[in-house]
Amino acid sequence: MDIPHSKVKDGIIIEVKVIPKSSRTEMAGVLDGTVVKVKLTAPPVEGAANEQLIAFLAEKFGIKKSDIVILKGETSRRKTVKLSGGIL
């Protein structure tokens, strides 16, 4: 799947729509050509879904969890996420 993103000086920025409490964790497509839809098994409670999103993206892109930052939307299903650490 081609991931829509914006390049920045030290990485990329992606827009993500999170679907918590799903039956499995997976990338479920692209919405409107700009937003990556990600299903997560974790509930949206006490940051569990955010933690699972970061772990999932780190594994998917082969980078460290510390190289992923949620810039916007920590308490929302729609998030702006920055990935760095050799992602380019």
PDB file of N, CA and C in Angstrom:
ATOM      1  N   MET A   1       0.841  -1.171   0.000  1.00  0.00           N
ATOM      2  CA  MET A   1       0.000   0.000   0.000  1.00  0.00           C
ATOM      3  C   MET A   1       0.893   1.242   0.000  1.00  0.00           C
ATOM      4  N   ASP A   2       0.587   2.186  -0.869  1.00  0.00           N
ATOM      5  CA  ASP A   2       1.311   3.444  -0.927  1.00  0.00           C
ATOM      6  C   ASP A   2       0.761   4.356   0.167  1.00  0.00           C
ATOM      7  N   ILE A   3       1.625   4.805   1.058  1.00  0.00           N
ATOM      8  CA  ILE A   3       1.211   5.615   2.198  1.00  0.00           C
ATOM      9  C   ILE A   3       1.317   7.097   1.834  1.00  0.00           C
ATOM     10  N   PRO A   4       0.200   7.836   1.856  1.00  0.00           N
ATOM     11  CA  PRO A   4       0.281   9.275   1.601  1.00  0.00           C
ATOM     12  C   PRO A   4       1.014   9.966   2.750  1.00  0.00           C
ATOM     13  N   HIS A   5       1.973  10.824   2.414  1.00  0.00           N
ATOM     14  CA  HIS A   5       2.771  11.481   3.440  1.00  0.00           C
ATOM     15  C   HIS A   5       3.297  12.820   2.936  1.00  0.00           C
ATOM     16  N   SER A   6       3.806  13.607   3.866  1.00  0.00           N
ATOM     17  CA  SER A   6       4.493  14.860   3.569  1.00  0.00           C
ATOM     18  C   SER A   6       5.913  14.717   4.081  1.00  0.00           C
ATOM     19  N   LYS A   7       6.880  15.115   3.265  1.00  0.00           N
ATOM     20  CA  LYS A   7       8.272  15.053   3.705  1.00  0.00           C
ATOM     21  C   LYS A   7       8.615  16.310   4.485  1.00  0.00           C
ATOM     22  N   VAL A   8       9.349  16.118   5.562  1.00  0.00           N
ATOM     23  CA  VAL A   8       9.900  17.217   6.348  1.00  0.00           C
ATOM     24  C   VAL A   8      11.397  16.981   6.464  1.00  0.00           C
ATOM     25  N   LYS A   9      12.103  17.941   7.045  1.00  0.00           N
ATOM     26  CA  LYS A   9      13.563  17.891   7.092  1.00  0.00           C
ATOM     27  C   LYS A   9      14.111  16.567   7.637  1.00  0.00           C
ATOM     28  N   ASP A  10      13.526  16.068   8.712  1.00  0.00           N
ATOM     29  CA  ASP A  10      14.092  14.889   9.365  1.00  0.00           C
ATOM     30  C   ASP A  10      13.151  13.689   9.400  1.00  0.00           C
ATOM     31  N   GLY A  11      12.250  13.592   8.424  1.00  0.00           N
ATOM     32  CA  GLY A  11      11.349  12.441   8.393  1.00  0.00           C
ATOM     33  C   GLY A  11      10.148  12.676   7.508  1.00  0.00           C
ATOM     34  N   ILE A  12       9.038  12.047   7.882  1.00  0.00           N
ATOM     35  CA  ILE A  12       7.786  12.231   7.148  1.00  0.00           C
ATOM     36  C   ILE A  12       6.649  12.449   8.142  1.00  0.00           C
ATOM     37  N   ILE A  13       5.579  13.042   7.645  1.00  0.00           N
ATOM     38  CA  ILE A  13       4.375  13.236   8.447  1.00  0.00           C
ATOM     39  C   ILE A  13       3.227  12.536   7.746  1.00  0.00           C
ATOM     40  N   ILE A  14       2.477  11.740   8.508  1.00  0.00           N
ATOM     41  CA  ILE A  14       1.303  11.068   7.952  1.00  0.00           C
ATOM     42  C   ILE A  14       0.074  11.435   8.778  1.00  0.00           C
ATOM     43  N   GLU A  15      -1.054  11.448   8.111  1.00  0.00           N
ATOM     44  CA  GLU A  15      -2.343  11.651   8.774  1.00  0.00           C
ATOM     45  C   GLU A  15      -2.954  10.265   8.967  1.00  0.00           C
ATOM     46  N   VAL A  16      -3.437   9.996  10.164  1.00  0.00           N
ATOM     47  CA  VAL A  16      -3.951   8.671  10.505  1.00  0.00           C
ATOM     48  C   VAL A  16      -5.349   8.792  11.105  1.00  0.00           C
ATOM     49  N   LYS A  17      -6.240   7.913  10.694  1.00  0.00           N
ATOM     50  CA  LYS A  17      -7.531   7.758  11.372  1.00  0.00           C
ATOM     51  C   LYS A  17      -7.495   6.408  12.068  1.00  0.00           C
ATOM     52  N   VAL A  18      -7.618   6.435  13.378  1.00  0.00           N
ATOM     53  CA  VAL A  18      -7.527   5.231  14.199  1.00  0.00           C
ATOM     54  C   VAL A  18      -8.929   4.684  14.466  1.00  0.00           C
ATOM     55  N   ILE A  19      -9.068   3.370  14.307  1.00  0.00           N
ATOM     56  CA  ILE A  19     -10.298   2.668  14.652  1.00  0.00           C
ATOM     57  C   ILE A  19      -9.955   1.734  15.822  1.00  0.00           C
ATOM     58  N   PRO A  20     -10.199   2.182  17.078  1.00  0.00           N
ATOM     59  CA  PRO A  20      -9.851   1.346  18.237  1.00  0.00           C
ATOM     60  C   PRO A  20     -10.846   0.205  18.437  1.00  0.00           C
ATOM     61  N   LYS A  21     -10.461  -0.735  19.279  1.00  0.00           N
ATOM     62  CA  LYS A  21     -11.295  -1.891  19.652  1.00  0.00           C
ATOM     63  C   LYS A  21     -11.717  -2.718  18.437  1.00  0.00           C
ATOM     64  N   SER A  22     -10.822  -2.844  17.456  1.00  0.00           N
ATOM     65  CA  SER A  22     -11.096  -3.672  16.277  1.00  0.00           C
ATOM     66  C   SER A  22     -10.710  -5.114  16.573  1.00  0.00           C
ATOM     67  N   SER A  23     -11.078  -6.005  15.688  1.00  0.00           N
ATOM     68  CA  SER A  23     -10.771  -7.421  15.895  1.00  0.00           C
ATOM     69  C   SER A  23      -9.300  -7.736  15.641  1.00  0.00           C
ATOM     70  N   ARG A  24      -8.616  -6.891  14.859  1.00  0.00           N
ATOM     71  CA  ARG A  24      -7.181  -7.090  14.624  1.00  0.00           C
ATOM     72  C   ARG A  24      -6.511  -5.753  14.350  1.00  0.00           C
ATOM     73  N   THR A  25      -5.184  -5.726  14.502  1.00  0.00           N
ATOM     74  CA  THR A  25      -4.407  -4.526  14.229  1.00  0.00           C
ATOM     75  C   THR A  25      -3.881  -4.616  12.805  1.00  0.00           C
ATOM     76  N   GLU A  26      -4.238  -3.603  11.997  1.00  0.00           N
ATOM     77  CA  GLU A  26      -3.825  -3.610  10.592  1.00  0.00           C
ATOM     78  C   GLU A  26      -4.047  -2.250   9.957  1.00  0.00           C
ATOM     79  N   MET A  27      -3.327  -2.012   8.854  1.00  0.00           N
ATOM     80  CA  MET A  27      -3.623  -0.865   8.012  1.00  0.00           C
ATOM     81  C   MET A  27      -4.803  -1.270   7.155  1.00  0.00           C
ATOM     82  N   ALA A  28      -5.836  -0.446   7.172  1.00  0.00           N
ATOM     83  CA  ALA A  28      -7.086  -0.826   6.518  1.00  0.00           C
ATOM     84  C   ALA A  28      -7.398   0.032   5.299  1.00  0.00           C
ATOM     85  N   GLY A  29      -6.399   0.700   4.762  1.00  0.00           N
ATOM     86  CA  GLY A  29      -6.626   1.468   3.548  1.00  0.00           C
ATOM     87  C   GLY A  29      -6.321   2.937   3.709  1.00  0.00           C
ATOM     88  N   VAL A  30      -6.670   3.684   2.661  1.00  0.00           N
ATOM     89  CA  VAL A  30      -6.434   5.119   2.614  1.00  0.00           C
ATOM     90  C   VAL A  30      -7.765   5.807   2.345  1.00  0.00           C
ATOM     91  N   LEU A  31      -8.063   6.827   3.129  1.00  0.00           N
ATOM     92  CA  LEU A  31      -9.301   7.587   2.976  1.00  0.00           C
ATOM     93  C   LEU A  31      -9.013   8.885   2.226  1.00  0.00           C
ATOM     94  N   ASP A  32      -9.792   9.191   1.217  1.00  0.00           N
ATOM     95  CA  ASP A  32      -9.668  10.437   0.451  1.00  0.00           C
ATOM     96  C   ASP A  32      -8.267  10.661  -0.114  1.00  0.00           C
ATOM     97  N   GLY A  33      -7.469   9.619  -0.225  1.00  0.00           N
ATOM     98  CA  GLY A  33      -6.124   9.738  -0.774  1.00  0.00           C
ATOM     99  C   GLY A  33      -5.124  10.430   0.125  1.00  0.00           C
ATOM    100  N   THR A  34      -5.525  10.779   1.354  1.00  0.00           N
ATOM    101  CA  THR A  34      -4.628  11.537   2.229  1.00  0.00           C
ATOM    102  C   THR A  34      -4.490  10.983   3.643  1.00  0.00           C
ATOM    103  N   VAL A  35      -5.422  10.154   4.074  1.00  0.00           N
ATOM    104  CA  VAL A  35      -5.447   9.686   5.466  1.00  0.00           C
ATOM    105  C   VAL A  35      -5.339   8.166   5.504  1.00  0.00           C
ATOM    106  N   VAL A  36      -4.394   7.673   6.300  1.00  0.00           N
ATOM    107  CA  VAL A  36      -4.208   6.235   6.465  1.00  0.00           C
ATOM    108  C   VAL A  36      -5.149   5.747   7.564  1.00  0.00           C
ATOM    109  N   LYS A  37      -5.947   4.741   7.251  1.00  0.00           N
ATOM    110  CA  LYS A  37      -6.870   4.159   8.229  1.00  0.00           C
ATOM    111  C   LYS A  37      -6.164   2.979   8.894  1.00  0.00           C
ATOM    112  N   VAL A  38      -6.076   3.023  10.229  1.00  0.00           N
ATOM    113  CA  VAL A  38      -5.401   1.972  10.990  1.00  0.00           C
ATOM    114  C   VAL A  38      -6.366   1.417  12.028  1.00  0.00           C
ATOM    115  N   LYS A  39      -6.594   0.111  11.966  1.00  0.00           N
ATOM    116  CA  LYS A  39      -7.418  -0.571  12.964  1.00  0.00           C
ATOM    117  C   LYS A  39      -6.506  -1.068  14.083  1.00  0.00           C
ATOM    118  N   LEU A  40      -6.947  -0.869  15.330  1.00  0.00           N
ATOM    119  CA  LEU A  40      -6.184  -1.292  16.500  1.00  0.00           C
ATOM    120  C   LEU A  40      -7.077  -2.113  17.422  1.00  0.00           C
ATOM    121  N   THR A  41      -6.492  -3.098  18.086  1.00  0.00           N
ATOM    122  CA  THR A  41      -7.260  -3.902  19.034  1.00  0.00           C
ATOM    123  C   THR A  41      -7.395  -3.205  20.385  1.00  0.00           C
ATOM    124  N   ALA A  42      -6.506  -2.278  20.685  1.00  0.00           N
ATOM    125  CA  ALA A  42      -6.520  -1.589  21.981  1.00  0.00           C
ATOM    126  C   ALA A  42      -7.710  -0.641  22.088  1.00  0.00           C
ATOM    127  N   PRO A  43      -8.229  -0.487  23.305  1.00  0.00           N
ATOM    128  CA  PRO A  43      -9.315   0.478  23.513  1.00  0.00           C
ATOM    129  C   PRO A  43      -8.736   1.895  23.634  1.00  0.00           C
ATOM    130  N   PRO A  44      -9.562   2.904  23.397  1.00  0.00           N
ATOM    131  CA  PRO A  44      -9.075   4.282  23.510  1.00  0.00           C
ATOM    132  C   PRO A  44      -9.102   4.776  24.960  1.00  0.00           C
ATOM    133  N   VAL A  45      -8.414   4.070  25.826  1.00  0.00           N
ATOM    134  CA  VAL A  45      -8.429   4.379  27.252  1.00  0.00           C
ATOM    135  C   VAL A  45      -6.997   4.548  27.749  1.00  0.00           C
ATOM    136  N   GLU A  46      -6.746   5.654  28.455  1.00  0.00           N
ATOM    137  CA  GLU A  46      -5.449   5.911  29.088  1.00  0.00           C
ATOM    138  C   GLU A  46      -4.274   5.753  28.133  1.00  0.00           C
ATOM    139  N   GLY A  47      -4.434   6.148  26.891  1.00  0.00           N
ATOM    140  CA  GLY A  47      -3.338   6.129  25.930  1.00  0.00           C
ATOM    141  C   GLY A  47      -3.004   4.770  25.345  1.00  0.00           C
ATOM    142  N   ALA A  48      -3.802   3.757  25.627  1.00  0.00           N
ATOM    143  CA  ALA A  48      -3.503   2.402  25.137  1.00  0.00           C
ATOM    144  C   ALA A  48      -3.507   2.344  23.611  1.00  0.00           C
ATOM    145  N   ALA A  49      -4.463   2.996  22.983  1.00  0.00           N
ATOM    146  CA  ALA A  49      -4.526   2.980  21.518  1.00  0.00           C
ATOM    147  C   ALA A  49      -3.340   3.737  20.921  1.00  0.00           C
ATOM    148  N   ASN A  50      -2.947   4.853  21.535  1.00  0.00           N
ATOM    149  CA  ASN A  50      -1.785   5.602  21.046  1.00  0.00           C
ATOM    150  C   ASN A  50      -0.514   4.760  21.144  1.00  0.00           C
ATOM    151  N   GLU A  51      -0.345   4.074  22.261  1.00  0.00           N
ATOM    152  CA  GLU A  51       0.829   3.210  22.439  1.00  0.00           C
ATOM    153  C   GLU A  51       0.848   2.104  21.395  1.00  0.00           C
ATOM    154  N   GLN A  52      -0.302   1.489  21.143  1.00  0.00           N
ATOM    155  CA  GLN A  52      -0.355   0.423  20.151  1.00  0.00           C
ATOM    156  C   GLN A  52      -0.110   0.975  18.748  1.00  0.00           C
ATOM    157  N   LEU A  53      -0.627   2.161  18.458  1.00  0.00           N
ATOM    158  CA  LEU A  53      -0.387   2.785  17.154  1.00  0.00           C
ATOM    159  C   LEU A  53       1.102   3.017  16.934  1.00  0.00           C
ATOM    160  N   ILE A  54       1.787   3.560  17.927  1.00  0.00           N
ATOM    161  CA  ILE A  54       3.225   3.822  17.808  1.00  0.00           C
ATOM    162  C   ILE A  54       3.991   2.518  17.619  1.00  0.00           C
ATOM    163  N   ALA A  55       3.668   1.491  18.394  1.00  0.00           N
ATOM    164  CA  ALA A  55       4.342   0.193  18.260  1.00  0.00           C
ATOM    165  C   ALA A  55       4.084  -0.419  16.885  1.00  0.00           C
ATOM    166  N   PHE A  56       2.853  -0.324  16.404  1.00  0.00           N
ATOM    167  CA  PHE A  56       2.493  -0.879  15.098  1.00  0.00           C
ATOM    168  C   PHE A  56       3.240  -0.161  13.976  1.00  0.00           C
ATOM    169  N   LEU A  57       3.255   1.169  14.008  1.00  0.00           N
ATOM    170  CA  LEU A  57       3.950   1.926  12.964  1.00  0.00           C
ATOM    171  C   LEU A  57       5.456   1.677  13.003  1.00  0.00           C
ATOM    172  N   ALA A  58       6.031   1.558  14.203  1.00  0.00           N
ATOM    173  CA  ALA A  58       7.463   1.278  14.332  1.00  0.00           C
ATOM    174  C   ALA A  58       7.806  -0.057  13.678  1.00  0.00           C
ATOM    175  N   GLU A  59       6.991  -1.065  13.937  1.00  0.00           N
ATOM    176  CA  GLU A  59       7.220  -2.382  13.334  1.00  0.00           C
ATOM    177  C   GLU A  59       7.022  -2.334  11.818  1.00  0.00           C
ATOM    178  N   LYS A  60       5.977  -1.664  11.382  1.00  0.00           N
ATOM    179  CA  LYS A  60       5.640  -1.597   9.957  1.00  0.00           C
ATOM    180  C   LYS A  60       6.735  -0.902   9.147  1.00  0.00           C
ATOM    181  N   PHE A  61       7.310   0.172   9.706  1.00  0.00           N
ATOM    182  CA  PHE A  61       8.314   0.951   8.987  1.00  0.00           C
ATOM    183  C   PHE A  61       9.744   0.589   9.368  1.00  0.00           C
ATOM    184  N   GLY A  62       9.925  -0.322  10.321  1.00  0.00           N
ATOM    185  CA  GLY A  62      11.257  -0.760  10.713  1.00  0.00           C
ATOM    186  C   GLY A  62      12.069   0.318  11.417  1.00  0.00           C
ATOM    187  N   ILE A  63      11.404   1.113  12.258  1.00  0.00           N
ATOM    188  CA  ILE A  63      12.094   2.150  13.017  1.00  0.00           C
ATOM    189  C   ILE A  63      11.794   1.962  14.502  1.00  0.00           C
ATOM    190  N   LYS A  64      12.508   2.725  15.343  1.00  0.00           N
ATOM    191  CA  LYS A  64      12.296   2.634  16.787  1.00  0.00           C
ATOM    192  C   LYS A  64      11.027   3.379  17.184  1.00  0.00           C
ATOM    193  N   LYS A  65      10.404   2.917  18.259  1.00  0.00           N
ATOM    194  CA  LYS A  65       9.209   3.596  18.765  1.00  0.00           C
ATOM    195  C   LYS A  65       9.518   5.043  19.143  1.00  0.00           C
ATOM    196  N   SER A  66      10.744   5.287  19.599  1.00  0.00           N
ATOM    197  CA  SER A  66      11.124   6.653  19.991  1.00  0.00           C
ATOM    198  C   SER A  66      11.243   7.594  18.795  1.00  0.00           C
ATOM    199  N   ASP A  67      11.241   7.055  17.577  1.00  0.00           N
ATOM    200  CA  ASP A  67      11.305   7.870  16.360  1.00  0.00           C
ATOM    201  C   ASP A  67       9.921   8.267  15.854  1.00  0.00           C
ATOM    202  N   ILE A  68       8.890   7.956  16.624  1.00  0.00           N
ATOM    203  CA  ILE A  68       7.515   8.268  16.225  1.00  0.00           C
ATOM    204  C   ILE A  68       6.898   9.188  17.276  1.00  0.00           C
ATOM    205  N   VAL A  69       6.312  10.291  16.793  1.00  0.00           N
ATOM    206  CA  VAL A  69       5.699  11.275  17.685  1.00  0.00           C
ATOM    207  C   VAL A  69       4.312  11.622  17.158  1.00  0.00           C
ATOM    208  N   ILE A  70       3.333  11.613  18.047  1.00  0.00           N
ATOM    209  CA  ILE A  70       1.997  12.085  17.684  1.00  0.00           C
ATOM    210  C   ILE A  70       2.007  13.599  17.877  1.00  0.00           C
ATOM    211  N   LEU A  71       1.963  14.335  16.761  1.00  0.00           N
ATOM    212  CA  LEU A  71       2.021  15.794  16.815  1.00  0.00           C
ATOM    213  C   LEU A  71       0.679  16.407  17.188  1.00  0.00           C
ATOM    214  N   LYS A  72      -0.395  15.839  16.657  1.00  0.00           N
ATOM    215  CA  LYS A  72      -1.749  16.352  16.914  1.00  0.00           C
ATOM    216  C   LYS A  72      -2.700  15.185  17.065  1.00  0.00           C
ATOM    217  N   GLY A  73      -3.691  15.344  17.929  1.00  0.00           N
ATOM    218  CA  GLY A  73      -4.755  14.357  18.021  1.00  0.00           C
ATOM    219  C   GLY A  73      -4.560  13.257  19.040  1.00  0.00           C
ATOM    220  N   GLU A  74      -3.828  13.524  20.108  1.00  0.00           N
ATOM    221  CA  GLU A  74      -3.603  12.474  21.108  1.00  0.00           C
ATOM    222  C   GLU A  74      -4.896  11.941  21.705  1.00  0.00           C
ATOM    223  N   THR A  75      -5.923  12.772  21.774  1.00  0.00           N
ATOM    224  CA  THR A  75      -7.195  12.320  22.341  1.00  0.00           C
ATOM    225  C   THR A  75      -8.280  12.188  21.276  1.00  0.00           C
ATOM    226  N   SER A  76      -7.879  12.182  20.027  1.00  0.00           N
ATOM    227  CA  SER A  76      -8.817  12.099  18.908  1.00  0.00           C
ATOM    228  C   SER A  76      -8.526  10.856  18.074  1.00  0.00           C
ATOM    229  N   ARG A  77      -9.481  10.432  17.285  1.00  0.00           N
ATOM    230  CA  ARG A  77      -9.240   9.314  16.369  1.00  0.00           C
ATOM    231  C   ARG A  77      -8.417   9.760  15.166  1.00  0.00           C
ATOM    232  N   ARG A  78      -8.463  11.042  14.844  1.00  0.00           N
ATOM    233  CA  ARG A  78      -7.693  11.602  13.726  1.00  0.00           C
ATOM    234  C   ARG A  78      -6.388  12.160  14.278  1.00  0.00           C
ATOM    235  N   LYS A  79      -5.259  11.669  13.783  1.00  0.00           N
ATOM    236  CA  LYS A  79      -3.957  12.034  14.329  1.00  0.00           C
ATOM    237  C   LYS A  79      -2.992  12.463  13.229  1.00  0.00           C
ATOM    238  N   THR A  80      -2.092  13.360  13.587  1.00  0.00           N
ATOM    239  CA  THR A  80      -0.968  13.736  12.739  1.00  0.00           C
ATOM    240  C   THR A  80       0.261  13.135  13.396  1.00  0.00           C
ATOM    241  N   VAL A  81       0.976  12.280  12.659  1.00  0.00           N
ATOM    242  CA  VAL A  81       2.086  11.523  13.232  1.00  0.00           C
ATOM    243  C   VAL A  81       3.359  11.793  12.440  1.00  0.00           C
ATOM    244  N   LYS A  82       4.449  12.056  13.171  1.00  0.00           N
ATOM    245  CA  LYS A  82       5.757  12.264  12.541  1.00  0.00           C
ATOM    246  C   LYS A  82       6.610  11.022  12.748  1.00  0.00           C
ATOM    247  N   LEU A  83       7.208  10.538  11.651  1.00  0.00           N
ATOM    248  CA  LEU A  83       8.114   9.397  11.692  1.00  0.00           C
ATOM    249  C   LEU A  83       9.483   9.874  11.243  1.00  0.00           C
ATOM    250  N   SER A  84      10.510   9.574  12.028  1.00  0.00           N
ATOM    251  CA  SER A  84      11.875   9.952  11.673  1.00  0.00           C
ATOM    252  C   SER A  84      12.779   8.738  11.858  1.00  0.00           C
ATOM    253  N   GLY A  85      14.080   8.961  11.937  1.00  0.00           N
ATOM    254  CA  GLY A  85      14.991   7.853  12.182  1.00  0.00           C
ATOM    255  C   GLY A  85      15.278   7.008  10.965  1.00  0.00           C
ATOM    256  N   GLY A  86      15.665   7.644   9.875  1.00  0.00           N
ATOM    257  CA  GLY A  86      16.027   6.895   8.678  1.00  0.00           C
ATOM    258  C   GLY A  86      14.853   6.437   7.853  1.00  0.00           C
ATOM    259  N   ILE A  87      13.693   7.036   8.043  1.00  0.00           N
ATOM    260  CA  ILE A  87      12.500   6.632   7.302  1.00  0.00           C
ATOM    261  C   ILE A  87      12.577   7.049   5.842  1.00  0.00           C
ATOM    262  N   LEU A  88      13.365   8.094   5.534  1.00  0.00           N
ATOM    263  CA  LEU A  88      13.467   8.555   4.150  1.00  0.00           C
ATOM    264  C   LEU A  88      14.205   7.530   3.364  1.00  0.00           C
TER     265      LEU A  88
END
